[in-house]
Amino acid sequence: MNKRGHVLNAVLLSFGLGYVLEPAGDVETFVTIAEVFVPVVLGALFPDVDTAFGKHRKTLHNLPVLLVVGAYPFYFGNLQWVWLGVLTHYVLDVLGTTRGIALFYPLWSKEFDVPFGIPVDSQYSDLMTVTVTAVEIAGIFLLVKYAAPVIVDAQQAIGI
């Protein structure tokens, strides 16, 4: 996807995430949207910094970068949602385009994709972006609704 597609994805994702986390549609929902908006957008744009250095869709489009960004809030206490922006950038590049990304770079340069992606400059790229974003929001909803309560129950059972 192009930068416009990643921004569209991040904006829609921020609204969707706000409603998943605070579904009432009241002031708290919009506070949550505001809270996640900037970190998600920053995360969604971060991987394309590799267009200025390194190899695009390799240098900053891989699992080691996602792990570092994902661990950041555990050590520094901020930027809790940047990892989600980075992850959704990867998902959009893998599912939405014909090229894919090098998930295991620098250990392996093979680019992974799916057979139904479209070219970045396609007239259908916005439709593909919205479709992939809807799938991402549905996945987040399922994780929050079903996986998070199980994790909390397990933590309580073992006294964490």
N, C-alpha and C. Protein backbone atom coordinates (compact mmCIF):
# COMPACT_ATOMS: atom_id res chain seq x y z
N MET A 1 0.83 -1.19 0.00
CA MET A 1 0.00 0.00 0.00
C MET A 1 0.88 1.25 0.00
N ASN A 2 0.30 2.33 -0.44
CA ASN A 2 1.02 3.60 -0.41
C ASN A 2 0.78 4.28 0.95
N LYS A 3 1.46 5.39 1.18
CA LYS A 3 1.33 6.07 2.48
C LYS A 3 -0.12 6.48 2.74
N ARG A 4 -0.82 6.93 1.71
CA ARG A 4 -2.22 7.31 1.87
C ARG A 4 -3.05 6.12 2.38
N GLY A 5 -2.80 4.95 1.83
CA GLY A 5 -3.50 3.75 2.27
C GLY A 5 -3.21 3.41 3.72
N HIS A 6 -1.96 3.59 4.12
CA HIS A 6 -1.60 3.29 5.51
C HIS A 6 -2.22 4.30 6.48
N VAL A 7 -2.30 5.55 6.07
CA VAL A 7 -2.96 6.55 6.91
C VAL A 7 -4.45 6.24 7.01
N LEU A 8 -5.09 5.93 5.91
CA LEU A 8 -6.51 5.56 5.92
C LEU A 8 -6.74 4.37 6.84
N ASN A 9 -5.89 3.36 6.71
CA ASN A 9 -5.98 2.18 7.57
C ASN A 9 -5.85 2.56 9.05
N ALA A 10 -4.88 3.39 9.38
CA ALA A 10 -4.64 3.76 10.78
C ALA A 10 -5.79 4.59 11.35
N VAL A 11 -6.33 5.51 10.55
CA VAL A 11 -7.44 6.34 11.03
C VAL A 11 -8.66 5.47 11.29
N LEU A 12 -9.02 4.63 10.32
CA LEU A 12 -10.17 3.75 10.51
C LEU A 12 -9.94 2.78 11.66
N LEU A 13 -8.74 2.26 11.76
CA LEU A 13 -8.41 1.35 12.84
C LEU A 13 -8.52 2.03 14.20
N SER A 14 -8.09 3.27 14.30
CA SER A 14 -8.19 4.01 15.57
C SER A 14 -9.64 4.15 16.01
N PHE A 15 -10.52 4.48 15.08
CA PHE A 15 -11.94 4.58 15.42
C PHE A 15 -12.50 3.21 15.80
N GLY A 16 -12.16 2.20 15.03
CA GLY A 16 -12.63 0.86 15.35
C GLY A 16 -12.12 0.38 16.69
N LEU A 17 -10.85 0.60 16.98
CA LEU A 17 -10.27 0.20 18.26
C LEU A 17 -10.93 0.94 19.41
N GLY A 18 -11.19 2.24 19.21
CA GLY A 18 -11.88 3.00 20.25
C GLY A 18 -13.23 2.41 20.59
N TYR A 19 -13.97 2.00 19.57
CA TYR A 19 -15.28 1.40 19.81
C TYR A 19 -15.19 -0.03 20.36
N VAL A 20 -14.15 -0.77 20.00
CA VAL A 20 -13.97 -2.11 20.56
C VAL A 20 -13.66 -2.01 22.05
N LEU A 21 -12.77 -1.07 22.41
CA LEU A 21 -12.36 -0.94 23.81
C LEU A 21 -13.42 -0.24 24.67
N GLU A 22 -14.15 0.70 24.10
CA GLU A 22 -15.20 1.45 24.81
C GLU A 22 -16.44 1.53 23.91
N PRO A 23 -17.22 0.45 23.86
CA PRO A 23 -18.30 0.36 22.86
C PRO A 23 -19.53 1.22 23.12
N ALA A 24 -19.61 1.93 24.22
CA ALA A 24 -20.82 2.68 24.56
C ALA A 24 -21.13 3.81 23.58
N GLY A 25 -20.13 4.32 22.89
CA GLY A 25 -20.35 5.43 21.97
C GLY A 25 -20.52 6.76 22.68
N ASP A 26 -20.02 6.84 23.90
CA ASP A 26 -20.15 8.08 24.68
C ASP A 26 -18.81 8.82 24.69
N VAL A 27 -18.68 9.77 25.60
CA VAL A 27 -17.45 10.57 25.68
C VAL A 27 -16.22 9.68 25.88
N GLU A 28 -16.35 8.65 26.69
CA GLU A 28 -15.22 7.76 26.96
C GLU A 28 -14.74 7.06 25.68
N THR A 29 -15.67 6.73 24.79
CA THR A 29 -15.29 6.14 23.51
C THR A 29 -14.41 7.10 22.73
N PHE A 30 -14.79 8.37 22.68
CA PHE A 30 -14.02 9.35 21.91
C PHE A 30 -12.71 9.70 22.59
N VAL A 31 -12.66 9.62 23.91
CA VAL A 31 -11.39 9.79 24.63
C VAL A 31 -10.45 8.64 24.27
N THR A 32 -10.99 7.43 24.21
CA THR A 32 -10.18 6.27 23.84
C THR A 32 -9.67 6.40 22.40
N ILE A 33 -10.55 6.84 21.50
CA ILE A 33 -10.11 7.06 20.11
C ILE A 33 -8.96 8.07 20.07
N ALA A 34 -9.10 9.16 20.80
CA ALA A 34 -8.04 10.18 20.84
C ALA A 34 -6.75 9.61 21.43
N GLU A 35 -6.89 8.74 22.43
CA GLU A 35 -5.73 8.15 23.10
C GLU A 35 -4.95 7.22 22.16
N VAL A 36 -5.64 6.46 21.34
CA VAL A 36 -4.97 5.49 20.48
C VAL A 36 -4.59 6.08 19.12
N PHE A 37 -5.20 7.18 18.73
CA PHE A 37 -5.07 7.72 17.38
C PHE A 37 -3.62 8.01 16.98
N VAL A 38 -2.93 8.84 17.74
CA VAL A 38 -1.57 9.24 17.36
C VAL A 38 -0.61 8.05 17.38
N PRO A 39 -0.58 7.23 18.44
CA PRO A 39 0.34 6.09 18.40
C PRO A 39 0.07 5.11 17.26
N VAL A 40 -1.21 4.85 16.96
CA VAL A 40 -1.52 3.93 15.86
C VAL A 40 -1.07 4.52 14.53
N VAL A 41 -1.34 5.80 14.30
CA VAL A 41 -0.92 6.43 13.05
C VAL A 41 0.61 6.45 12.94
N LEU A 42 1.30 6.80 14.02
CA LEU A 42 2.77 6.79 14.00
C LEU A 42 3.29 5.39 13.69
N GLY A 43 2.71 4.39 14.33
CA GLY A 43 3.13 3.02 14.08
C GLY A 43 2.86 2.58 12.65
N ALA A 44 1.74 3.02 12.10
CA ALA A 44 1.38 2.64 10.73
C ALA A 44 2.32 3.28 9.71
N LEU A 45 2.87 4.41 10.02
CA LEU A 45 3.77 5.09 9.09
C LEU A 45 5.24 4.69 9.29
N PHE A 46 5.59 4.25 10.50
CA PHE A 46 6.98 3.96 10.83
C PHE A 46 7.68 3.00 9.86
N PRO A 47 7.08 1.86 9.49
CA PRO A 47 7.83 0.94 8.62
C PRO A 47 8.27 1.55 7.29
N ASP A 48 7.56 2.54 6.78
CA ASP A 48 7.95 3.14 5.50
C ASP A 48 9.10 4.14 5.62
N VAL A 49 9.62 4.32 6.82
CA VAL A 49 10.84 5.10 6.98
C VAL A 49 11.98 4.41 6.21
N ASP A 50 11.84 3.10 5.99
CA ASP A 50 12.89 2.40 5.25
C ASP A 50 12.94 2.77 3.76
N THR A 51 12.05 3.64 3.31
CA THR A 51 12.17 4.16 1.94
C THR A 51 13.31 5.17 1.85
N ALA A 52 13.70 5.74 3.00
CA ALA A 52 14.78 6.73 3.03
C ALA A 52 16.15 6.10 3.25
N PHE A 53 16.18 4.87 3.76
CA PHE A 53 17.45 4.17 3.96
C PHE A 53 17.17 2.67 3.94
N GLY A 54 18.19 1.90 3.71
CA GLY A 54 18.02 0.45 3.72
C GLY A 54 17.25 -0.05 2.51
N LYS A 55 16.55 -1.16 2.70
CA LYS A 55 15.80 -1.79 1.63
C LYS A 55 14.32 -1.77 2.00
N HIS A 56 13.53 -1.12 1.14
CA HIS A 56 12.10 -1.00 1.43
C HIS A 56 11.44 -2.38 1.46
N ARG A 57 10.54 -2.53 2.40
CA ARG A 57 9.81 -3.76 2.69
C ARG A 57 10.72 -4.86 3.23
N LYS A 58 11.89 -4.47 3.68
CA LYS A 58 12.80 -5.40 4.33
C LYS A 58 13.30 -4.79 5.65
N THR A 59 14.00 -3.68 5.58
CA THR A 59 14.70 -3.11 6.73
C THR A 59 13.77 -2.90 7.93
N LEU A 60 12.60 -2.32 7.72
CA LEU A 60 11.68 -2.06 8.84
C LEU A 60 10.34 -2.80 8.70
N HIS A 61 10.28 -3.76 7.81
CA HIS A 61 9.07 -4.54 7.59
C HIS A 61 9.32 -6.00 7.99
N ASN A 62 9.64 -6.25 9.24
CA ASN A 62 9.97 -7.61 9.65
C ASN A 62 9.62 -7.85 11.12
N LEU A 63 9.63 -9.10 11.51
CA LEU A 63 9.26 -9.47 12.87
C LEU A 63 10.21 -8.94 13.94
N PRO A 64 11.54 -8.91 13.72
CA PRO A 64 12.40 -8.32 14.76
C PRO A 64 12.03 -6.87 15.09
N VAL A 65 11.69 -6.06 14.09
CA VAL A 65 11.27 -4.67 14.34
C VAL A 65 9.97 -4.66 15.13
N LEU A 66 9.02 -5.52 14.76
CA LEU A 66 7.76 -5.59 15.49
C LEU A 66 7.98 -5.99 16.95
N LEU A 67 8.88 -6.92 17.20
CA LEU A 67 9.17 -7.32 18.58
C LEU A 67 9.77 -6.18 19.40
N VAL A 68 10.68 -5.43 18.81
CA VAL A 68 11.27 -4.29 19.50
C VAL A 68 10.21 -3.24 19.82
N VAL A 69 9.40 -2.89 18.82
CA VAL A 69 8.35 -1.89 19.02
C VAL A 69 7.30 -2.40 20.02
N GLY A 70 7.01 -3.69 19.96
CA GLY A 70 6.04 -4.29 20.89
C GLY A 70 6.54 -4.31 22.33
N ALA A 71 7.84 -4.45 22.50
CA ALA A 71 8.41 -4.48 23.85
C ALA A 71 8.60 -3.09 24.44
N TYR A 72 8.64 -2.09 23.59
CA TYR A 72 8.92 -0.73 24.03
C TYR A 72 8.07 -0.27 25.22
N PRO A 73 6.74 -0.41 25.19
CA PRO A 73 5.94 0.08 26.33
C PRO A 73 6.19 -0.67 27.64
N PHE A 74 6.68 -1.89 27.56
CA PHE A 74 6.98 -2.64 28.79
C PHE A 74 8.19 -2.08 29.51
N TYR A 75 9.09 -1.47 28.75
CA TYR A 75 10.31 -0.93 29.34
C TYR A 75 10.25 0.57 29.60
N PHE A 76 9.43 1.28 28.82
CA PHE A 76 9.41 2.73 28.94
C PHE A 76 8.04 3.29 29.33
N GLY A 77 6.99 2.47 29.32
CA GLY A 77 5.69 2.90 29.81
C GLY A 77 4.91 3.84 28.91
N ASN A 78 5.29 3.97 27.65
CA ASN A 78 4.51 4.80 26.75
C ASN A 78 4.44 4.15 25.37
N LEU A 79 3.76 4.79 24.49
CA LEU A 79 3.60 4.31 23.12
C LEU A 79 2.95 2.92 23.05
N GLN A 80 1.94 2.69 23.91
CA GLN A 80 1.31 1.38 24.00
C GLN A 80 0.69 0.89 22.69
N TRP A 81 0.30 1.78 21.81
CA TRP A 81 -0.41 1.35 20.62
C TRP A 81 0.42 1.48 19.34
N VAL A 82 1.67 1.88 19.42
CA VAL A 82 2.50 1.98 18.23
C VAL A 82 2.67 0.60 17.59
N TRP A 83 2.85 -0.42 18.40
CA TRP A 83 3.03 -1.77 17.87
C TRP A 83 1.85 -2.18 17.00
N LEU A 84 0.64 -1.77 17.39
CA LEU A 84 -0.54 -2.14 16.62
C LEU A 84 -0.51 -1.46 15.25
N GLY A 85 -0.08 -0.21 15.20
CA GLY A 85 0.08 0.47 13.91
C GLY A 85 1.09 -0.23 13.03
N VAL A 86 2.22 -0.63 13.61
CA VAL A 86 3.24 -1.36 12.85
C VAL A 86 2.69 -2.69 12.36
N LEU A 87 2.03 -3.43 13.24
CA LEU A 87 1.47 -4.73 12.86
C LEU A 87 0.45 -4.59 11.73
N THR A 88 -0.43 -3.61 11.84
CA THR A 88 -1.44 -3.44 10.80
C THR A 88 -0.82 -2.96 9.49
N HIS A 89 0.28 -2.23 9.56
CA HIS A 89 1.02 -1.86 8.34
C HIS A 89 1.48 -3.14 7.65
N TYR A 90 2.06 -4.06 8.42
CA TYR A 90 2.53 -5.32 7.85
C TYR A 90 1.36 -6.10 7.25
N VAL A 91 0.26 -6.20 7.99
CA VAL A 91 -0.91 -6.95 7.50
C VAL A 91 -1.41 -6.35 6.19
N LEU A 92 -1.48 -5.03 6.14
CA LEU A 92 -1.94 -4.37 4.92
C LEU A 92 -0.99 -4.63 3.75
N ASP A 93 0.32 -4.61 4.00
CA ASP A 93 1.28 -4.88 2.93
C ASP A 93 1.23 -6.34 2.48
N VAL A 94 0.97 -7.27 3.39
CA VAL A 94 0.92 -8.69 3.02
C VAL A 94 -0.41 -9.02 2.34
N LEU A 95 -1.52 -8.63 2.94
CA LEU A 95 -2.83 -8.99 2.40
C LEU A 95 -3.29 -8.10 1.26
N GLY A 96 -2.87 -6.85 1.27
CA GLY A 96 -3.41 -5.90 0.32
C GLY A 96 -2.62 -5.68 -0.95
N THR A 97 -1.36 -6.14 -0.99
CA THR A 97 -0.54 -5.87 -2.16
C THR A 97 -0.02 -7.16 -2.79
N THR A 98 0.53 -7.04 -3.95
CA THR A 98 1.08 -8.22 -4.63
C THR A 98 2.52 -8.52 -4.22
N ARG A 99 3.18 -7.59 -3.57
CA ARG A 99 4.59 -7.78 -3.26
C ARG A 99 4.82 -8.50 -1.93
N GLY A 100 4.14 -8.10 -0.87
CA GLY A 100 4.39 -8.69 0.44
C GLY A 100 5.55 -8.03 1.16
N ILE A 101 6.03 -8.69 2.24
CA ILE A 101 7.13 -8.15 3.03
C ILE A 101 8.09 -9.28 3.43
N ALA A 102 9.31 -8.90 3.78
CA ALA A 102 10.33 -9.86 4.22
C ALA A 102 10.24 -10.01 5.74
N LEU A 103 9.35 -10.88 6.20
CA LEU A 103 9.08 -11.04 7.63
C LEU A 103 10.29 -11.40 8.47
N PHE A 104 11.22 -12.14 7.92
CA PHE A 104 12.34 -12.64 8.71
C PHE A 104 13.67 -11.96 8.38
N TYR A 105 13.59 -10.82 7.70
CA TYR A 105 14.78 -10.04 7.39
C TYR A 105 15.41 -9.58 8.70
N PRO A 106 16.67 -9.57 8.89
CA PRO A 106 17.77 -9.76 7.95
C PRO A 106 18.24 -11.21 7.82
N LEU A 107 17.58 -12.14 8.51
CA LEU A 107 18.00 -13.54 8.42
C LEU A 107 17.62 -14.18 7.09
N TRP A 108 16.50 -13.72 6.51
CA TRP A 108 15.99 -14.31 5.28
C TRP A 108 15.31 -13.21 4.49
N SER A 109 15.70 -12.99 3.26
CA SER A 109 15.18 -11.88 2.44
C SER A 109 13.92 -12.22 1.67
N LYS A 110 13.42 -13.46 1.76
CA LYS A 110 12.21 -13.84 1.02
C LYS A 110 11.04 -12.96 1.46
N GLU A 111 10.30 -12.44 0.48
CA GLU A 111 9.11 -11.63 0.75
C GLU A 111 7.87 -12.52 0.73
N PHE A 112 7.07 -12.43 1.77
CA PHE A 112 5.86 -13.23 1.89
C PHE A 112 4.64 -12.40 1.51
N ASP A 113 3.75 -13.00 0.75
CA ASP A 113 2.52 -12.34 0.33
C ASP A 113 1.41 -13.38 0.23
N VAL A 114 0.26 -12.96 -0.24
CA VAL A 114 -0.87 -13.86 -0.48
C VAL A 114 -1.27 -13.71 -1.95
N PRO A 115 -1.97 -14.70 -2.49
CA PRO A 115 -2.27 -14.65 -3.92
C PRO A 115 -3.37 -13.67 -4.33
N PHE A 116 -4.01 -13.00 -3.39
CA PHE A 116 -5.12 -12.12 -3.77
C PHE A 116 -4.83 -10.64 -3.59
N GLY A 117 -3.59 -10.27 -3.35
CA GLY A 117 -3.25 -8.85 -3.23
C GLY A 117 -3.40 -8.14 -4.56
N ILE A 118 -3.36 -6.82 -4.51
CA ILE A 118 -3.48 -6.01 -5.73
C ILE A 118 -2.29 -5.06 -5.82
N PRO A 119 -2.00 -4.58 -7.02
CA PRO A 119 -0.89 -3.61 -7.15
C PRO A 119 -1.17 -2.34 -6.34
N VAL A 120 -0.13 -1.74 -5.82
CA VAL A 120 -0.25 -0.55 -4.97
C VAL A 120 -0.97 0.58 -5.70
N ASP A 121 -0.74 0.71 -6.99
CA ASP A 121 -1.35 1.82 -7.74
C ASP A 121 -2.70 1.46 -8.37
N SER A 122 -3.30 0.37 -7.95
CA SER A 122 -4.58 -0.07 -8.49
C SER A 122 -5.71 0.89 -8.11
N GLN A 123 -6.70 0.98 -8.97
CA GLN A 123 -7.88 1.80 -8.66
C GLN A 123 -8.68 1.21 -7.50
N TYR A 124 -8.39 -0.04 -7.14
CA TYR A 124 -9.10 -0.71 -6.05
C TYR A 124 -8.32 -0.69 -4.74
N SER A 125 -7.21 0.03 -4.68
CA SER A 125 -6.38 -0.01 -3.47
C SER A 125 -7.11 0.53 -2.24
N ASP A 126 -7.94 1.59 -2.40
CA ASP A 126 -8.69 2.09 -1.24
C ASP A 126 -9.71 1.06 -0.75
N LEU A 127 -10.38 0.39 -1.69
CA LEU A 127 -11.34 -0.65 -1.32
C LEU A 127 -10.63 -1.79 -0.59
N MET A 128 -9.46 -2.17 -1.09
CA MET A 128 -8.68 -3.22 -0.43
C MET A 128 -8.25 -2.77 0.96
N THR A 129 -7.85 -1.52 1.10
CA THR A 129 -7.45 -0.99 2.41
C THR A 129 -8.61 -1.06 3.40
N VAL A 130 -9.78 -0.63 2.99
CA VAL A 130 -10.94 -0.65 3.88
C VAL A 130 -11.32 -2.10 4.23
N THR A 131 -11.23 -2.99 3.27
CA THR A 131 -11.55 -4.40 3.52
C THR A 131 -10.58 -5.02 4.51
N VAL A 132 -9.29 -4.81 4.31
CA VAL A 132 -8.28 -5.35 5.24
C VAL A 132 -8.46 -4.73 6.62
N THR A 133 -8.76 -3.43 6.68
CA THR A 133 -8.99 -2.77 7.97
C THR A 133 -10.18 -3.39 8.70
N ALA A 134 -11.24 -3.68 7.98
CA ALA A 134 -12.41 -4.32 8.59
C ALA A 134 -12.05 -5.69 9.17
N VAL A 135 -11.23 -6.44 8.45
CA VAL A 135 -10.77 -7.74 8.95
C VAL A 135 -9.91 -7.55 10.20
N GLU A 136 -9.05 -6.54 10.20
CA GLU A 136 -8.21 -6.26 11.37
C GLU A 136 -9.06 -5.89 12.59
N ILE A 137 -10.05 -5.03 12.40
CA ILE A 137 -10.92 -4.63 13.51
C ILE A 137 -11.70 -5.83 14.03
N ALA A 138 -12.18 -6.67 13.14
CA ALA A 138 -12.89 -7.88 13.57
C ALA A 138 -11.96 -8.78 14.39
N GLY A 139 -10.71 -8.92 13.95
CA GLY A 139 -9.74 -9.71 14.70
C GLY A 139 -9.46 -9.13 16.08
N ILE A 140 -9.33 -7.82 16.16
CA ILE A 140 -9.11 -7.16 17.45
C ILE A 140 -10.32 -7.37 18.36
N PHE A 141 -11.51 -7.22 17.79
CA PHE A 141 -12.73 -7.44 18.57
C PHE A 141 -12.74 -8.86 19.15
N LEU A 142 -12.43 -9.85 18.34
CA LEU A 142 -12.43 -11.23 18.81
C LEU A 142 -11.39 -11.45 19.90
N LEU A 143 -10.21 -10.85 19.74
CA LEU A 143 -9.18 -10.97 20.77
C LEU A 143 -9.62 -10.33 22.09
N VAL A 144 -10.19 -9.12 22.01
CA VAL A 144 -10.62 -8.43 23.23
C VAL A 144 -11.78 -9.17 23.89
N LYS A 145 -12.70 -9.66 23.09
CA LYS A 145 -13.91 -10.30 23.63
C LYS A 145 -13.61 -11.68 24.19
N TYR A 146 -12.75 -12.46 23.52
CA TYR A 146 -12.58 -13.86 23.91
C TYR A 146 -11.22 -14.19 24.51
N ALA A 147 -10.14 -13.66 23.96
CA ALA A 147 -8.81 -14.02 24.45
C ALA A 147 -8.44 -13.25 25.71
N ALA A 148 -8.71 -11.97 25.76
CA ALA A 148 -8.32 -11.15 26.92
C ALA A 148 -8.94 -11.66 28.22
N PRO A 149 -10.24 -12.00 28.27
CA PRO A 149 -10.80 -12.51 29.53
C PRO A 149 -10.15 -13.82 29.98
N VAL A 150 -9.77 -14.67 29.05
CA VAL A 150 -9.11 -15.93 29.39
C VAL A 150 -7.74 -15.65 30.01
N ILE A 151 -7.01 -14.70 29.44
CA ILE A 151 -5.69 -14.35 29.97
C ILE A 151 -5.82 -13.76 31.37
N VAL A 152 -6.79 -12.87 31.56
CA VAL A 152 -7.00 -12.27 32.88
C VAL A 152 -7.37 -13.34 33.90
N ASP A 153 -8.25 -14.25 33.53
CA ASP A 153 -8.64 -15.34 34.45
C ASP A 153 -7.45 -16.22 34.81
N ALA A 154 -6.60 -16.51 33.83
CA ALA A 154 -5.40 -17.32 34.08
C ALA A 154 -4.45 -16.60 35.01
N GLN A 155 -4.27 -15.29 34.79
CA GLN A 155 -3.38 -14.51 35.66
C GLN A 155 -3.91 -14.51 37.09
N GLN A 156 -5.21 -14.34 37.25
CA GLN A 156 -5.80 -14.34 38.59
C GLN A 156 -5.68 -15.70 39.26
N ALA A 157 -5.80 -16.76 38.47
CA ALA A 157 -5.71 -18.12 39.02
C ALA A 157 -4.32 -18.42 39.56
N ILE A 158 -3.29 -17.85 38.92
CA ILE A 158 -1.94 -18.12 39.39
C ILE A 158 -1.38 -17.00 40.27
N GLY A 159 -2.23 -16.00 40.54
CA GLY A 159 -1.85 -14.95 41.47
C GLY A 159 -1.01 -13.83 40.92
N ILE A 160 -1.08 -13.59 39.62
CA ILE A 160 -0.31 -12.48 39.03
C ILE A 160 -1.10 -11.20 39.14
